[in-house]
């Protein structure tokens, strides 16, 4: 049974997100304080991954190299602006101590890079032209 490209991505995204969610619950039950914004960070990075995946697919579907690069750079810019906005809002509005700020930064970047790597792995076959449509 062959699933189409988007179905495989969303199934993989669900699986990875479920693993992260269960890991957060396990860490919380073991007494590890990951901060009060950990679930917000997880959801934010899931939304970034979906947005980035969909926009990059639009560029890849055109079959035009310069158009693809334009779409890809647009996703990079959007991710950067949204992430900086989250950081600025957190540091201006959140009443957090040093430990919670450090926890926020480390967890945010972990999720950011984990979902970015997941997205690149999923897009790799599409960009190489080896996936079924």
N, C-alpha and C. Protein backbone atom coordinates (compact mmCIF):
# COMPACT_ATOMS: atom_id res chain seq x y z
N UNK A 1 0.84 -1.18 0.00
CA UNK A 1 0.00 0.00 0.00
C UNK A 1 0.89 1.24 0.00
N UNK A 2 0.70 2.07 -1.02
CA UNK A 2 1.48 3.30 -1.13
C UNK A 2 0.61 4.48 -0.76
N UNK A 3 1.10 5.24 0.20
CA UNK A 3 0.41 6.47 0.60
C UNK A 3 0.97 7.62 -0.22
N UNK A 4 0.15 8.60 -0.49
CA UNK A 4 0.67 9.73 -1.25
C UNK A 4 1.60 10.57 -0.37
N UNK A 5 2.28 11.49 -1.01
CA UNK A 5 3.35 12.27 -0.38
C UNK A 5 2.87 13.05 0.85
N UNK A 6 1.78 13.78 0.71
CA UNK A 6 1.27 14.59 1.82
C UNK A 6 0.78 13.72 2.98
N UNK A 7 0.15 12.60 2.64
CA UNK A 7 -0.34 11.69 3.69
C UNK A 7 0.83 11.15 4.50
N UNK A 8 1.92 10.79 3.83
CA UNK A 8 3.11 10.30 4.54
C UNK A 8 3.68 11.37 5.45
N UNK A 9 3.72 12.61 4.95
CA UNK A 9 4.24 13.71 5.77
C UNK A 9 3.40 13.91 7.03
N UNK A 10 2.09 14.00 6.85
CA UNK A 10 1.23 14.27 8.00
C UNK A 10 1.18 13.09 8.97
N UNK A 11 1.27 11.88 8.47
CA UNK A 11 1.34 10.71 9.34
C UNK A 11 2.65 10.73 10.14
N UNK A 12 3.74 11.05 9.47
CA UNK A 12 5.03 11.17 10.15
C UNK A 12 5.04 12.29 11.15
N UNK A 13 4.44 13.42 10.78
CA UNK A 13 4.36 14.57 11.69
C UNK A 13 3.57 14.21 12.94
N UNK A 14 2.46 13.50 12.75
CA UNK A 14 1.66 13.06 13.89
C UNK A 14 2.48 12.13 14.79
N UNK A 15 3.21 11.21 14.19
CA UNK A 15 4.01 10.26 14.96
C UNK A 15 5.11 10.97 15.76
N UNK A 16 5.85 11.84 15.09
CA UNK A 16 6.92 12.58 15.77
C UNK A 16 6.35 13.45 16.88
N UNK A 17 5.24 14.13 16.61
CA UNK A 17 4.62 14.99 17.62
C UNK A 17 4.11 14.19 18.81
N UNK A 18 3.56 13.02 18.54
CA UNK A 18 3.09 12.15 19.61
C UNK A 18 4.26 11.68 20.49
N UNK A 19 5.38 11.34 19.87
CA UNK A 19 6.57 10.94 20.62
C UNK A 19 7.05 12.09 21.51
N UNK A 20 7.10 13.31 20.96
CA UNK A 20 7.52 14.47 21.76
C UNK A 20 6.53 14.73 22.89
N UNK A 21 5.24 14.64 22.60
CA UNK A 21 4.22 14.87 23.62
C UNK A 21 4.34 13.86 24.76
N UNK A 22 4.51 12.59 24.41
CA UNK A 22 4.66 11.55 25.44
C UNK A 22 5.96 11.74 26.22
N UNK A 23 7.01 12.19 25.55
CA UNK A 23 8.27 12.47 26.24
C UNK A 23 8.12 13.61 27.24
N UNK A 24 7.36 14.63 26.87
CA UNK A 24 7.11 15.75 27.77
C UNK A 24 6.32 15.27 28.99
N UNK A 25 5.29 14.46 28.74
CA UNK A 25 4.51 13.93 29.86
C UNK A 25 5.38 13.07 30.78
N UNK A 26 6.22 12.24 30.21
CA UNK A 26 7.11 11.40 31.01
C UNK A 26 8.07 12.25 31.83
N UNK A 27 8.66 13.26 31.20
CA UNK A 27 9.59 14.14 31.92
C UNK A 27 8.87 14.87 33.05
N UNK A 28 7.65 15.31 32.80
CA UNK A 28 6.88 16.00 33.83
C UNK A 28 6.57 15.07 35.00
N UNK A 29 6.24 13.82 34.70
CA UNK A 29 5.96 12.85 35.76
C UNK A 29 7.20 12.48 36.55
N UNK A 30 8.37 12.60 35.92
CA UNK A 30 9.62 12.31 36.61
C UNK A 30 10.14 13.52 37.39
N UNK A 31 9.42 14.65 37.31
CA UNK A 31 9.80 15.82 38.08
C UNK A 31 10.69 16.80 37.35
N UNK A 32 10.91 16.62 36.05
CA UNK A 32 11.73 17.54 35.27
C UNK A 32 10.86 18.73 34.88
N UNK A 33 11.33 19.94 35.22
CA UNK A 33 10.56 21.14 34.91
C UNK A 33 10.99 21.67 33.55
N UNK A 34 10.12 21.53 32.56
CA UNK A 34 10.40 22.00 31.21
C UNK A 34 9.80 23.38 30.94
N UNK A 35 9.20 23.96 31.94
CA UNK A 35 8.62 25.29 31.79
C UNK A 35 7.14 25.21 31.47
N UNK A 36 6.48 26.30 31.73
CA UNK A 36 5.02 26.32 31.54
C UNK A 36 4.61 26.54 30.10
N UNK A 37 5.56 26.85 29.21
CA UNK A 37 5.24 27.12 27.81
C UNK A 37 5.62 25.98 26.87
N UNK A 38 5.96 24.83 27.41
CA UNK A 38 6.46 23.73 26.60
C UNK A 38 5.44 23.27 25.55
N UNK A 39 4.18 23.20 25.93
CA UNK A 39 3.15 22.76 24.98
C UNK A 39 2.91 23.82 23.90
N UNK A 40 3.03 25.09 24.27
CA UNK A 40 2.91 26.17 23.28
C UNK A 40 4.05 26.08 22.27
N UNK A 41 5.24 25.79 22.75
CA UNK A 41 6.40 25.65 21.87
C UNK A 41 6.20 24.49 20.90
N UNK A 42 5.69 23.39 21.41
CA UNK A 42 5.46 22.21 20.58
C UNK A 42 4.44 22.52 19.49
N UNK A 43 3.33 23.13 19.85
CA UNK A 43 2.29 23.46 18.87
C UNK A 43 2.80 24.49 17.86
N UNK A 44 3.53 25.48 18.33
CA UNK A 44 4.08 26.49 17.43
C UNK A 44 4.99 25.86 16.38
N UNK A 45 5.85 24.95 16.79
CA UNK A 45 6.77 24.32 15.85
C UNK A 45 6.06 23.35 14.92
N UNK A 46 4.98 22.74 15.36
CA UNK A 46 4.18 21.90 14.46
C UNK A 46 3.56 22.78 13.37
N UNK A 47 3.02 23.93 13.77
CA UNK A 47 2.42 24.85 12.80
C UNK A 47 3.49 25.35 11.82
N UNK A 48 4.69 25.68 12.33
CA UNK A 48 5.77 26.10 11.44
C UNK A 48 6.14 25.01 10.44
N UNK A 49 6.20 23.77 10.90
CA UNK A 49 6.55 22.66 10.00
C UNK A 49 5.51 22.49 8.91
N UNK A 50 4.24 22.54 9.27
CA UNK A 50 3.16 22.39 8.28
C UNK A 50 3.20 23.55 7.28
N UNK A 51 3.31 24.76 7.78
CA UNK A 51 3.35 25.93 6.90
C UNK A 51 4.54 25.85 5.95
N UNK A 52 5.69 25.54 6.48
CA UNK A 52 6.89 25.46 5.67
C UNK A 52 6.80 24.34 4.64
N UNK A 53 6.28 23.19 5.04
CA UNK A 53 6.12 22.07 4.13
C UNK A 53 5.19 22.41 2.98
N UNK A 54 4.06 23.01 3.29
CA UNK A 54 3.07 23.33 2.25
C UNK A 54 3.60 24.38 1.27
N UNK A 55 4.26 25.40 1.78
CA UNK A 55 4.80 26.43 0.89
C UNK A 55 5.93 25.87 0.04
N UNK A 56 6.80 25.07 0.62
CA UNK A 56 7.89 24.47 -0.15
C UNK A 56 7.35 23.52 -1.22
N UNK A 57 6.30 22.78 -0.90
CA UNK A 57 5.68 21.90 -1.90
C UNK A 57 5.10 22.71 -3.06
N UNK A 58 4.53 23.86 -2.78
CA UNK A 58 4.03 24.71 -3.85
C UNK A 58 5.15 25.09 -4.81
N UNK A 59 6.30 25.42 -4.26
CA UNK A 59 7.45 25.77 -5.09
C UNK A 59 8.00 24.58 -5.85
N UNK A 60 8.04 23.41 -5.21
CA UNK A 60 8.57 22.21 -5.85
C UNK A 60 7.64 21.72 -6.96
N UNK A 61 6.34 21.91 -6.79
CA UNK A 61 5.38 21.46 -7.79
C UNK A 61 5.44 22.25 -9.09
N UNK A 62 6.03 23.44 -9.05
CA UNK A 62 6.12 24.23 -10.27
C UNK A 62 7.12 23.62 -11.25
N UNK A 63 8.11 22.88 -10.73
CA UNK A 63 9.13 22.30 -11.60
C UNK A 63 10.16 23.31 -12.08
N UNK A 64 10.08 24.52 -11.61
CA UNK A 64 10.97 25.59 -12.01
C UNK A 64 11.95 25.86 -10.87
N UNK A 65 13.24 25.74 -11.13
CA UNK A 65 14.26 25.92 -10.10
C UNK A 65 14.22 27.27 -9.41
N UNK A 66 14.26 28.38 -10.16
CA UNK A 66 14.22 29.69 -9.50
C UNK A 66 12.94 29.93 -8.69
N UNK A 67 11.82 29.44 -9.17
CA UNK A 67 10.57 29.58 -8.43
C UNK A 67 10.63 28.79 -7.13
N UNK A 68 11.17 27.58 -7.21
CA UNK A 68 11.33 26.78 -5.99
C UNK A 68 12.20 27.50 -4.98
N UNK A 69 13.32 28.04 -5.44
CA UNK A 69 14.22 28.75 -4.52
C UNK A 69 13.54 29.95 -3.88
N UNK A 70 12.70 30.64 -4.65
CA UNK A 70 11.95 31.77 -4.11
C UNK A 70 10.99 31.32 -3.02
N UNK A 71 10.27 30.23 -3.27
CA UNK A 71 9.34 29.71 -2.27
C UNK A 71 10.09 29.24 -1.02
N UNK A 72 11.21 28.55 -1.23
CA UNK A 72 11.98 28.04 -0.09
C UNK A 72 12.52 29.20 0.75
N UNK A 73 13.06 30.22 0.10
CA UNK A 73 13.59 31.36 0.85
C UNK A 73 12.47 32.11 1.57
N UNK A 74 11.28 32.11 0.98
CA UNK A 74 10.13 32.73 1.65
C UNK A 74 9.81 31.98 2.93
N UNK A 75 9.87 30.64 2.90
CA UNK A 75 9.59 29.88 4.13
C UNK A 75 10.65 30.14 5.19
N UNK A 76 11.89 30.26 4.76
CA UNK A 76 12.97 30.55 5.72
C UNK A 76 12.72 31.91 6.37
N UNK A 77 12.36 32.90 5.57
CA UNK A 77 12.10 34.23 6.10
C UNK A 77 10.89 34.23 7.04
N UNK A 78 9.82 33.55 6.65
CA UNK A 78 8.63 33.48 7.49
C UNK A 78 8.94 32.79 8.82
N UNK A 79 9.68 31.68 8.76
CA UNK A 79 10.07 30.98 9.99
C UNK A 79 10.89 31.87 10.91
N UNK A 80 11.84 32.60 10.30
CA UNK A 80 12.70 33.49 11.08
C UNK A 80 11.90 34.60 11.75
N UNK A 81 11.03 35.25 10.99
CA UNK A 81 10.24 36.36 11.55
C UNK A 81 9.30 35.86 12.64
N UNK A 82 8.61 34.74 12.40
CA UNK A 82 7.69 34.22 13.42
C UNK A 82 8.44 33.77 14.67
N UNK A 83 9.60 33.14 14.51
CA UNK A 83 10.37 32.70 15.67
C UNK A 83 10.89 33.88 16.47
N UNK A 84 11.39 34.89 15.78
CA UNK A 84 11.86 36.08 16.49
C UNK A 84 10.72 36.78 17.22
N UNK A 85 9.55 36.79 16.60
CA UNK A 85 8.38 37.39 17.25
C UNK A 85 8.03 36.65 18.53
N UNK A 86 8.08 35.32 18.49
CA UNK A 86 7.80 34.53 19.69
C UNK A 86 8.83 34.84 20.78
N UNK A 87 10.10 34.91 20.40
CA UNK A 87 11.14 35.21 21.39
C UNK A 87 10.95 36.59 22.00
N UNK A 88 10.68 37.57 21.18
CA UNK A 88 10.50 38.93 21.68
C UNK A 88 9.31 39.00 22.62
N UNK A 89 8.19 38.39 22.20
CA UNK A 89 7.00 38.39 23.07
C UNK A 89 7.26 37.66 24.38
N UNK A 90 7.97 36.54 24.32
CA UNK A 90 8.26 35.80 25.55
C UNK A 90 9.09 36.64 26.51
N UNK A 91 10.16 37.25 26.01
CA UNK A 91 11.04 37.99 26.90
C UNK A 91 10.45 39.32 27.36
N UNK A 92 9.51 39.88 26.60
CA UNK A 92 8.88 41.13 27.03
C UNK A 92 7.68 40.90 27.93
N UNK A 93 6.90 39.87 27.66
CA UNK A 93 5.62 39.69 28.35
C UNK A 93 5.63 38.63 29.45
N UNK A 94 6.46 37.61 29.32
CA UNK A 94 6.42 36.52 30.30
C UNK A 94 7.19 36.92 31.56
N UNK A 95 6.57 36.68 32.68
CA UNK A 95 7.21 36.91 33.96
C UNK A 95 7.91 35.60 34.34
N UNK A 96 9.15 35.45 33.88
CA UNK A 96 9.87 34.18 34.05
C UNK A 96 11.24 34.43 34.66
N UNK A 97 11.68 33.45 35.43
CA UNK A 97 13.01 33.51 36.02
C UNK A 97 14.06 33.00 35.05
N UNK A 98 15.31 33.01 35.50
CA UNK A 98 16.41 32.57 34.64
C UNK A 98 16.25 31.12 34.20
N UNK A 99 15.87 30.26 35.13
CA UNK A 99 15.75 28.84 34.81
C UNK A 99 14.66 28.61 33.76
N UNK A 100 13.54 29.31 33.89
CA UNK A 100 12.46 29.13 32.92
C UNK A 100 12.83 29.70 31.56
N UNK A 101 13.57 30.81 31.55
CA UNK A 101 14.03 31.37 30.27
C UNK A 101 14.99 30.41 29.57
N UNK A 102 15.90 29.82 30.33
CA UNK A 102 16.83 28.86 29.75
C UNK A 102 16.09 27.64 29.24
N UNK A 103 15.14 27.16 29.99
CA UNK A 103 14.33 26.02 29.58
C UNK A 103 13.57 26.35 28.29
N UNK A 104 13.00 27.54 28.22
CA UNK A 104 12.27 27.96 27.03
C UNK A 104 13.18 27.95 25.80
N UNK A 105 14.35 28.54 25.94
CA UNK A 105 15.28 28.64 24.81
C UNK A 105 15.72 27.25 24.35
N UNK A 106 16.13 26.41 25.27
CA UNK A 106 16.61 25.08 24.90
C UNK A 106 15.51 24.22 24.27
N UNK A 107 14.34 24.22 24.86
CA UNK A 107 13.23 23.43 24.29
C UNK A 107 12.78 23.98 22.95
N UNK A 108 12.72 25.29 22.84
CA UNK A 108 12.30 25.90 21.58
C UNK A 108 13.24 25.50 20.45
N UNK A 109 14.55 25.64 20.67
CA UNK A 109 15.49 25.29 19.62
C UNK A 109 15.53 23.79 19.34
N UNK A 110 15.34 22.99 20.36
CA UNK A 110 15.27 21.54 20.12
C UNK A 110 14.11 21.22 19.19
N UNK A 111 12.92 21.72 19.51
CA UNK A 111 11.75 21.46 18.65
C UNK A 111 11.94 22.07 17.27
N UNK A 112 12.47 23.28 17.21
CA UNK A 112 12.68 23.96 15.93
C UNK A 112 13.57 23.12 15.01
N UNK A 113 14.70 22.69 15.53
CA UNK A 113 15.62 21.90 14.70
C UNK A 113 15.09 20.50 14.42
N UNK A 114 14.43 19.90 15.38
CA UNK A 114 13.88 18.55 15.17
C UNK A 114 12.83 18.57 14.06
N UNK A 115 11.92 19.54 14.09
CA UNK A 115 10.89 19.61 13.05
C UNK A 115 11.47 20.06 11.71
N UNK A 116 12.49 20.89 11.73
CA UNK A 116 13.14 21.29 10.48
C UNK A 116 13.83 20.09 9.83
N UNK A 117 14.51 19.29 10.62
CA UNK A 117 15.16 18.09 10.09
C UNK A 117 14.12 17.11 9.57
N UNK A 118 13.04 16.93 10.31
CA UNK A 118 11.96 16.05 9.86
C UNK A 118 11.40 16.52 8.53
N UNK A 119 11.17 17.81 8.40
CA UNK A 119 10.63 18.36 7.17
C UNK A 119 11.60 18.16 6.00
N UNK A 120 12.87 18.38 6.22
CA UNK A 120 13.87 18.20 5.16
C UNK A 120 13.93 16.75 4.72
N UNK A 121 13.88 15.82 5.67
CA UNK A 121 13.89 14.40 5.33
C UNK A 121 12.66 14.05 4.48
N UNK A 122 11.50 14.58 4.86
CA UNK A 122 10.28 14.30 4.09
C UNK A 122 10.33 14.92 2.70
N UNK A 123 10.91 16.10 2.59
CA UNK A 123 10.96 16.78 1.30
C UNK A 123 12.08 16.28 0.40
N UNK A 124 13.04 15.60 0.95
CA UNK A 124 14.20 15.18 0.17
C UNK A 124 13.82 14.37 -1.06
N UNK A 125 12.97 13.38 -0.89
CA UNK A 125 12.59 12.54 -2.02
C UNK A 125 11.76 13.31 -3.04
N UNK A 126 10.95 14.24 -2.56
CA UNK A 126 10.16 15.08 -3.48
C UNK A 126 11.08 15.95 -4.32
N UNK A 127 12.09 16.49 -3.68
CA UNK A 127 13.01 17.40 -4.39
C UNK A 127 13.91 16.63 -5.35
N UNK A 128 14.15 15.36 -5.07
CA UNK A 128 14.96 14.55 -5.96
C UNK A 128 14.13 13.94 -7.09
N UNK A 129 12.80 14.10 -7.01
CA UNK A 129 11.92 13.58 -8.05
C UNK A 129 11.71 12.08 -7.96
N UNK A 130 11.94 11.49 -6.78
CA UNK A 130 11.85 10.03 -6.63
C UNK A 130 10.55 9.58 -5.99
N UNK A 131 9.71 10.52 -5.57
CA UNK A 131 8.48 10.10 -4.88
C UNK A 131 7.35 9.95 -5.88
N UNK A 132 6.37 9.13 -5.51
CA UNK A 132 5.20 8.94 -6.35
C UNK A 132 4.24 10.09 -6.13
N UNK A 133 3.54 10.47 -7.17
CA UNK A 133 2.56 11.55 -7.03
C UNK A 133 1.20 10.98 -6.91
